[in-house]
Amino acid sequence: MPTLLDTHAWVWWVTEDRRLSRSARLAIDKGQARDGLSLSLISIWEVAKMVEKGQLVPDRPVDAWLD
């Protein structure tokens, strides 16, 4: 079963933010190596709203975020 990332874990992982704990980073690495990672559609919507409100400025195209 894929590892489901919540919104902040996803954002912090993609942006390499220090707020992502070491244990979360290890869980993501393990999930990536085993069954992959997944996102909830609501997380994608939340990130879109953060971008829309100027709370998050993506450093790469949306496709790269989803990859």
PDB file of N, CA and C in Angstrom:
ATOM      1  N   MET A   1       0.840  -1.173   0.000  1.00  0.00           N
ATOM      2  CA  MET A   1       0.000   0.000   0.000  1.00  0.00           C
ATOM      3  C   MET A   1       0.895   1.250   0.000  1.00  0.00           C
ATOM      4  N   PRO A   2       0.647   2.193  -0.905  1.00  0.00           N
ATOM      5  CA  PRO A   2       1.468   3.406  -0.977  1.00  0.00           C
ATOM      6  C   PRO A   2       1.395   4.233   0.310  1.00  0.00           C
ATOM      7  N   THR A   3       2.430   4.970   0.575  1.00  0.00           N
ATOM      8  CA  THR A   3       2.469   5.889   1.710  1.00  0.00           C
ATOM      9  C   THR A   3       1.723   7.159   1.319  1.00  0.00           C
ATOM     10  N   LEU A   4       0.722   7.516   2.109  1.00  0.00           N
ATOM     11  CA  LEU A   4      -0.082   8.703   1.846  1.00  0.00           C
ATOM     12  C   LEU A   4       0.545   9.906   2.549  1.00  0.00           C
ATOM     13  N   LEU A   5       0.903  10.917   1.774  1.00  0.00           N
ATOM     14  CA  LEU A   5       1.489  12.133   2.332  1.00  0.00           C
ATOM     15  C   LEU A   5       0.398  13.148   2.642  1.00  0.00           C
ATOM     16  N   ASP A   6       0.507  13.785   3.795  1.00  0.00           N
ATOM     17  CA  ASP A   6      -0.414  14.894   4.034  1.00  0.00           C
ATOM     18  C   ASP A   6       0.160  16.131   3.350  1.00  0.00           C
ATOM     19  N   THR A   7      -0.613  17.185   3.325  1.00  0.00           N
ATOM     20  CA  THR A   7      -0.240  18.367   2.546  1.00  0.00           C
ATOM     21  C   THR A   7       1.103  18.944   2.980  1.00  0.00           C
ATOM     22  N   HIS A   8       1.277  19.168   4.276  1.00  0.00           N
ATOM     23  CA  HIS A   8       2.527  19.791   4.723  1.00  0.00           C
ATOM     24  C   HIS A   8       3.722  18.878   4.518  1.00  0.00           C
ATOM     25  N   ALA A   9       3.555  17.594   4.765  1.00  0.00           N
ATOM     26  CA  ALA A   9       4.676  16.674   4.519  1.00  0.00           C
ATOM     27  C   ALA A   9       5.079  16.715   3.052  1.00  0.00           C
ATOM     28  N   TRP A  10       4.102  16.759   2.171  1.00  0.00           N
ATOM     29  CA  TRP A  10       4.381  16.832   0.735  1.00  0.00           C
ATOM     30  C   TRP A  10       5.113  18.113   0.378  1.00  0.00           C
ATOM     31  N   VAL A  11       4.588  19.244   0.838  1.00  0.00           N
ATOM     32  CA  VAL A  11       5.202  20.540   0.526  1.00  0.00           C
ATOM     33  C   VAL A  11       6.605  20.613   1.108  1.00  0.00           C
ATOM     34  N   TRP A  12       6.756  20.221   2.347  1.00  0.00           N
ATOM     35  CA  TRP A  12       8.073  20.295   2.981  1.00  0.00           C
ATOM     36  C   TRP A  12       9.057  19.329   2.341  1.00  0.00           C
ATOM     37  N   TRP A  13       8.594  18.169   1.909  1.00  0.00           N
ATOM     38  CA  TRP A  13       9.480  17.204   1.254  1.00  0.00           C
ATOM     39  C   TRP A  13       9.937  17.744  -0.102  1.00  0.00           C
ATOM     40  N   VAL A  14       9.003  18.244  -0.893  1.00  0.00           N
ATOM     41  CA  VAL A  14       9.339  18.750  -2.227  1.00  0.00           C
ATOM     42  C   VAL A  14      10.270  19.957  -2.138  1.00  0.00           C
ATOM     43  N   THR A  15      10.028  20.833  -1.165  1.00  0.00           N
ATOM     44  CA  THR A  15      10.836  22.053  -1.043  1.00  0.00           C
ATOM     45  C   THR A  15      12.061  21.860  -0.155  1.00  0.00           C
ATOM     46  N   GLU A  16      12.246  20.642   0.348  1.00  0.00           N
ATOM     47  CA  GLU A  16      13.369  20.316   1.234  1.00  0.00           C
ATOM     48  C   GLU A  16      13.403  21.222   2.458  1.00  0.00           C
ATOM     49  N   ASP A  17      12.228  21.479   3.004  1.00  0.00           N
ATOM     50  CA  ASP A  17      12.082  22.337   4.180  1.00  0.00           C
ATOM     51  C   ASP A  17      12.565  21.599   5.429  1.00  0.00           C
ATOM     52  N   ARG A  18      13.255  22.324   6.287  1.00  0.00           N
ATOM     53  CA  ARG A  18      13.798  21.740   7.515  1.00  0.00           C
ATOM     54  C   ARG A  18      12.720  21.351   8.517  1.00  0.00           C
ATOM     55  N   ARG A  19      11.505  21.832   8.322  1.00  0.00           N
ATOM     56  CA  ARG A  19      10.423  21.483   9.246  1.00  0.00           C
ATOM     57  C   ARG A  19       9.975  20.026   9.111  1.00  0.00           C
ATOM     58  N   LEU A  20      10.328  19.384   8.002  1.00  0.00           N
ATOM     59  CA  LEU A  20      10.007  17.969   7.851  1.00  0.00           C
ATOM     60  C   LEU A  20      10.940  17.177   8.766  1.00  0.00           C
ATOM     61  N   SER A  21      10.354  16.450   9.693  1.00  0.00           N
ATOM     62  CA  SER A  21      11.170  15.730  10.675  1.00  0.00           C
ATOM     63  C   SER A  21      11.977  14.616  10.008  1.00  0.00           C
ATOM     64  N   ARG A  22      12.994  14.228  10.698  1.00  0.00           N
ATOM     65  CA  ARG A  22      13.842  13.150  10.188  1.00  0.00           C
ATOM     66  C   ARG A  22      13.039  11.861  10.047  1.00  0.00           C
ATOM     67  N   SER A  23      12.187  11.574  11.028  1.00  0.00           N
ATOM     68  CA  SER A  23      11.388  10.348  10.961  1.00  0.00           C
ATOM     69  C   SER A  23      10.404  10.394   9.787  1.00  0.00           C
ATOM     70  N   ALA A  24       9.845  11.561   9.507  1.00  0.00           N
ATOM     71  CA  ALA A  24       8.944  11.698   8.357  1.00  0.00           C
ATOM     72  C   ALA A  24       9.724  11.503   7.061  1.00  0.00           C
ATOM     73  N   ARG A  25      10.902  12.075   6.988  1.00  0.00           N
ATOM     74  CA  ARG A  25      11.740  11.930   5.792  1.00  0.00           C
ATOM     75  C   ARG A  25      12.102  10.453   5.560  1.00  0.00           C
ATOM     76  N   LEU A  26      12.420   9.759   6.636  1.00  0.00           N
ATOM     77  CA  LEU A  26      12.742   8.334   6.517  1.00  0.00           C
ATOM     78  C   LEU A  26      11.524   7.525   6.068  1.00  0.00           C
ATOM     79  N   ALA A  27      10.360   7.863   6.604  1.00  0.00           N
ATOM     80  CA  ALA A  27       9.129   7.172   6.201  1.00  0.00           C
ATOM     81  C   ALA A  27       8.834   7.415   4.722  1.00  0.00           C
ATOM     82  N   ILE A  28       9.065   8.624   4.266  1.00  0.00           N
ATOM     83  CA  ILE A  28       8.862   8.942   2.850  1.00  0.00           C
ATOM     84  C   ILE A  28       9.851   8.167   1.987  1.00  0.00           C
ATOM     85  N   ASP A  29      11.103   8.127   2.410  1.00  0.00           N
ATOM     86  CA  ASP A  29      12.113   7.369   1.660  1.00  0.00           C
ATOM     87  C   ASP A  29      11.741   5.889   1.574  1.00  0.00           C
ATOM     88  N   LYS A  30      11.292   5.323   2.693  1.00  0.00           N
ATOM     89  CA  LYS A  30      10.890   3.915   2.706  1.00  0.00           C
ATOM     90  C   LYS A  30       9.669   3.698   1.815  1.00  0.00           C
ATOM     91  N   GLY A  31       8.705   4.592   1.916  1.00  0.00           N
ATOM     92  CA  GLY A  31       7.513   4.480   1.084  1.00  0.00           C
ATOM     93  C   GLY A  31       7.835   4.564  -0.389  1.00  0.00           C
ATOM     94  N   GLN A  32       8.736   5.452  -0.724  1.00  0.00           N
ATOM     95  CA  GLN A  32       9.151   5.621  -2.114  1.00  0.00           C
ATOM     96  C   GLN A  32       9.827   4.344  -2.629  1.00  0.00           C
ATOM     97  N   ALA A  33      10.628   3.722  -1.793  1.00  0.00           N
ATOM     98  CA  ALA A  33      11.355   2.520  -2.193  1.00  0.00           C
ATOM     99  C   ALA A  33      10.447   1.289  -2.268  1.00  0.00           C
ATOM    100  N   ARG A  34       9.391   1.267  -1.459  1.00  0.00           N
ATOM    101  CA  ARG A  34       8.516   0.085  -1.407  1.00  0.00           C
ATOM    102  C   ARG A  34       7.382   0.191  -2.422  1.00  0.00           C
ATOM    103  N   ASP A  35       6.288   0.771  -1.992  1.00  0.00           N
ATOM    104  CA  ASP A  35       5.066   0.786  -2.799  1.00  0.00           C
ATOM    105  C   ASP A  35       4.763   2.136  -3.424  1.00  0.00           C
ATOM    106  N   GLY A  36       5.627   3.098  -3.235  1.00  0.00           N
ATOM    107  CA  GLY A  36       5.399   4.425  -3.794  1.00  0.00           C
ATOM    108  C   GLY A  36       4.700   5.355  -2.816  1.00  0.00           C
ATOM    109  N   LEU A  37       4.458   6.550  -3.294  1.00  0.00           N
ATOM    110  CA  LEU A  37       3.824   7.597  -2.502  1.00  0.00           C
ATOM    111  C   LEU A  37       2.517   7.987  -3.161  1.00  0.00           C
ATOM    112  N   SER A  38       1.581   8.442  -2.359  1.00  0.00           N
ATOM    113  CA  SER A  38       0.328   8.930  -2.929  1.00  0.00           C
ATOM    114  C   SER A  38      -0.094  10.205  -2.217  1.00  0.00           C
ATOM    115  N   LEU A  39      -0.976  10.925  -2.886  1.00  0.00           N
ATOM    116  CA  LEU A  39      -1.512  12.177  -2.362  1.00  0.00           C
ATOM    117  C   LEU A  39      -3.022  12.127  -2.408  1.00  0.00           C
ATOM    118  N   SER A  40      -3.618  12.815  -1.482  1.00  0.00           N
ATOM    119  CA  SER A  40      -5.060  12.996  -1.521  1.00  0.00           C
ATOM    120  C   SER A  40      -5.364  14.132  -2.491  1.00  0.00           C
ATOM    121  N   LEU A  41      -6.482  14.049  -3.164  1.00  0.00           N
ATOM    122  CA  LEU A  41      -6.879  15.154  -4.039  1.00  0.00           C
ATOM    123  C   LEU A  41      -7.017  16.453  -3.266  1.00  0.00           C
ATOM    124  N   ILE A  42      -7.417  16.371  -2.004  1.00  0.00           N
ATOM    125  CA  ILE A  42      -7.563  17.587  -1.193  1.00  0.00           C
ATOM    126  C   ILE A  42      -6.196  18.251  -0.976  1.00  0.00           C
ATOM    127  N   SER A  43      -5.126  17.468  -0.897  1.00  0.00           N
ATOM    128  CA  SER A  43      -3.787  18.053  -0.745  1.00  0.00           C
ATOM    129  C   SER A  43      -3.408  18.849  -1.988  1.00  0.00           C
ATOM    130  N   ILE A  44      -3.752  18.322  -3.150  1.00  0.00           N
ATOM    131  CA  ILE A  44      -3.470  19.044  -4.391  1.00  0.00           C
ATOM    132  C   ILE A  44      -4.267  20.341  -4.423  1.00  0.00           C
ATOM    133  N   TRP A  45      -5.527  20.268  -3.993  1.00  0.00           N
ATOM    134  CA  TRP A  45      -6.369  21.468  -3.928  1.00  0.00           C
ATOM    135  C   TRP A  45      -5.787  22.471  -2.927  1.00  0.00           C
ATOM    136  N   GLU A  46      -5.352  21.979  -1.744  1.00  0.00           N
ATOM    137  CA  GLU A  46      -4.788  22.873  -0.727  1.00  0.00           C
ATOM    138  C   GLU A  46      -3.542  23.588  -1.242  1.00  0.00           C
ATOM    139  N   VAL A  47      -2.687  22.876  -1.946  1.00  0.00           N
ATOM    140  CA  VAL A  47      -1.491  23.513  -2.512  1.00  0.00           C
ATOM    141  C   VAL A  47      -1.900  24.547  -3.563  1.00  0.00           C
ATOM    142  N   ALA A  48      -2.884  24.230  -4.384  1.00  0.00           N
ATOM    143  CA  ALA A  48      -3.367  25.196  -5.381  1.00  0.00           C
ATOM    144  C   ALA A  48      -3.887  26.459  -4.690  1.00  0.00           C
ATOM    145  N   LYS A  49      -4.602  26.307  -3.580  1.00  0.00           N
ATOM    146  CA  LYS A  49      -5.105  27.466  -2.831  1.00  0.00           C
ATOM    147  C   LYS A  49      -3.949  28.259  -2.207  1.00  0.00           C
ATOM    148  N   MET A  50      -2.928  27.574  -1.703  1.00  0.00           N
ATOM    149  CA  MET A  50      -1.758  28.265  -1.141  1.00  0.00           C
ATOM    150  C   MET A  50      -1.081  29.110  -2.211  1.00  0.00           C
ATOM    151  N   VAL A  51      -0.949  28.550  -3.408  1.00  0.00           N
ATOM    152  CA  VAL A  51      -0.334  29.284  -4.522  1.00  0.00           C
ATOM    153  C   VAL A  51      -1.207  30.478  -4.887  1.00  0.00           C
ATOM    154  N   GLU A  52      -2.513  30.245  -4.982  1.00  0.00           N
ATOM    155  CA  GLU A  52      -3.449  31.309  -5.335  1.00  0.00           C
ATOM    156  C   GLU A  52      -3.396  32.481  -4.349  1.00  0.00           C
ATOM    157  N   LYS A  53      -3.229  32.169  -3.058  1.00  0.00           N
ATOM    158  CA  LYS A  53      -3.189  33.201  -2.009  1.00  0.00           C
ATOM    159  C   LYS A  53      -1.791  33.799  -1.830  1.00  0.00           C
ATOM    160  N   GLY A  54      -0.817  33.289  -2.558  1.00  0.00           N
ATOM    161  CA  GLY A  54       0.546  33.792  -2.436  1.00  0.00           C
ATOM    162  C   GLY A  54       1.282  33.254  -1.226  1.00  0.00           C
ATOM    163  N   GLN A  55       0.744  32.226  -0.583  1.00  0.00           N
ATOM    164  CA  GLN A  55       1.385  31.632   0.587  1.00  0.00           C
ATOM    165  C   GLN A  55       2.489  30.651   0.200  1.00  0.00           C
ATOM    166  N   LEU A  56       2.467  30.232  -1.049  1.00  0.00           N
ATOM    167  CA  LEU A  56       3.460  29.302  -1.556  1.00  0.00           C
ATOM    168  C   LEU A  56       3.792  29.709  -2.986  1.00  0.00           C
ATOM    169  N   VAL A  57       5.079  29.848  -3.248  1.00  0.00           N
ATOM    170  CA  VAL A  57       5.530  30.168  -4.600  1.00  0.00           C
ATOM    171  C   VAL A  57       6.299  28.953  -5.098  1.00  0.00           C
ATOM    172  N   PRO A  58       5.699  28.202  -6.026  1.00  0.00           N
ATOM    173  CA  PRO A  58       6.368  26.991  -6.505  1.00  0.00           C
ATOM    174  C   PRO A  58       7.685  27.311  -7.203  1.00  0.00           C
ATOM    175  N   ASP A  59       8.674  26.473  -6.962  1.00  0.00           N
ATOM    176  CA  ASP A  59       9.991  26.662  -7.571  1.00  0.00           C
ATOM    177  C   ASP A  59      10.157  25.803  -8.819  1.00  0.00           C
ATOM    178  N   ARG A  60       9.073  25.134  -9.224  1.00  0.00           N
ATOM    179  CA  ARG A  60       9.101  24.272 -10.409  1.00  0.00           C
ATOM    180  C   ARG A  60       7.682  24.142 -10.946  1.00  0.00           C
ATOM    181  N   PRO A  61       7.528  23.678 -12.172  1.00  0.00           N
ATOM    182  CA  PRO A  61       6.186  23.517 -12.745  1.00  0.00           C
ATOM    183  C   PRO A  61       5.356  22.513 -11.935  1.00  0.00           C
ATOM    184  N   VAL A  62       4.061  22.633 -12.023  1.00  0.00           N
ATOM    185  CA  VAL A  62       3.143  21.764 -11.285  1.00  0.00           C
ATOM    186  C   VAL A  62       3.400  20.296 -11.599  1.00  0.00           C
ATOM    187  N   ASP A  63       3.669  19.977 -12.849  1.00  0.00           N
ATOM    188  CA  ASP A  63       3.941  18.577 -13.211  1.00  0.00           C
ATOM    189  C   ASP A  63       5.107  18.011 -12.428  1.00  0.00           C
ATOM    190  N   ALA A  64       6.116  18.817 -12.204  1.00  0.00           N
ATOM    191  CA  ALA A  64       7.284  18.361 -11.443  1.00  0.00           C
ATOM    192  C   ALA A  64       6.913  18.131  -9.984  1.00  0.00           C
ATOM    193  N   TRP A  65       6.022  18.952  -9.441  1.00  0.00           N
ATOM    194  CA  TRP A  65       5.551  18.770  -8.065  1.00  0.00           C
ATOM    195  C   TRP A  65       4.837  17.425  -7.950  1.00  0.00           C
ATOM    196  N   LEU A  66       4.031  17.113  -8.926  1.00  0.00           N
ATOM    197  CA  LEU A  66       3.256  15.877  -8.861  1.00  0.00           C
ATOM    198  C   LEU A  66       4.098  14.637  -9.143  1.00  0.00           C
ATOM    199  N   ASP A  67       5.178  14.815  -9.885  1.00  0.00           N
ATOM    200  CA  ASP A  67       6.068  13.674 -10.144  1.00  0.00           C
ATOM    201  C   ASP A  67       6.836  13.318  -8.883  1.00  0.00           C
TER     202      ASP A  67
END
